[in-house]
Amino acid sequence: MANSVLNKLNAAAEVQRQPKDVIRGLVWKMAVATWLLMAVGSATRVMNAGLACPDWPLCYGQLIPAAQMNLQVFLEWFHRLDAAAIGLSAIALLGLSVFYRSRLPSWLPFASAGAVFLIVFQGVLGGLTVTQLLRFDIVTAHLGTALLFFCALLAIGFMLTPYEATGNTGKLAWVSSIAALLVYLQSLLGALVGSRWALHQCLGSSELCSVMNSHIAGIVPATAATLAVTVMAWRQPALNSNLRKLGNWASVCLIAQLVLGLATFRLHLQVEPLTVAHQAVGAALLGTLVAFSILAWRDRVLSA
């Protein structure tokens, strides 16, 4: 009899957890798809494929422009396809959050609505990049919004992830948040360098060197803050294992990003895969710091 009651209680608990598990799985898939979307977007830019589809939202007036399909058209078309899939997923996330709101954290429907707003705004900016012929400020805002959406998904995912607080984070929550902000601003400067082709113009005719130099100077505070996070995580006793792993990943991403950035600069953006990898690793570094910040703040709040 007792076993029967326990089994029923366990089954009820499993059902109770199910909506959160489903939503968390959806969020992780969306985060990976968004990271790939940014990588494809970077490839689209460096391959001069941003206007390969001259119209929007269709491509040559078709859902699948088979007759015009080449590498450049494929990159732009696939970029839009991935974005549309993520947009539909964001709407599904909001729907699930509202439908199961009684069994989910109260903040989740609002966070999901914010994610839908960001992806809709991102879609508008994507259309404007085509209709405004790749205007540099719109292209920069396009990437900046994509990074915000990516960070929002990670924040939702890690807020829904089970976590055991240790109360040993100290000032890591503040330091990691500052590091994430600095890396985000550095990413925006990098997007500005790319959208204005500032490296080419600076090396070729000394134009836009201030943009390029700002991005180079921005390496120092972003690197220092990230290193502070990793060193503090290494030295903090009894830190949650997930935080320690994220700190290690931050250092790996930082080293890779510095190497890729140096190689990209020395080769004058002539090796497209390096440029794409530079942006992709930068997004991964930002995501790692955001994840670290979310868990560090949760530890701080739960331990208070």
Foldseek 3Di string as FASTA:
>chain_A
DVVVVVVVVVVVVVVLCVLLVVLLVLLVVLLVLLLVLLLLVLLLLLVVLLCVQLAPPDRVPDLDPVVSDDPSSCSNSVSSVSLVVSLVSLVVSLVSCVVCVVSDPVCRNVLSVVLNVLSVVLVVLSRCCNVVVLDLVSQLVNVLSSLVSSLSSLLSSLVSDDDDADLQCPCLLVLLVVLLVLLSVLLSLVSSCSSVVQLCCCVPPNPNVVSVVVSVVSLVVNVVSLVVNLVSLVPTPPGGPVLNVLNVVLVVLNVLLVVLVVVCNVVSVPDSVSSSVNSSSSSVNSNSSSSSNSNSVVSNVVVD
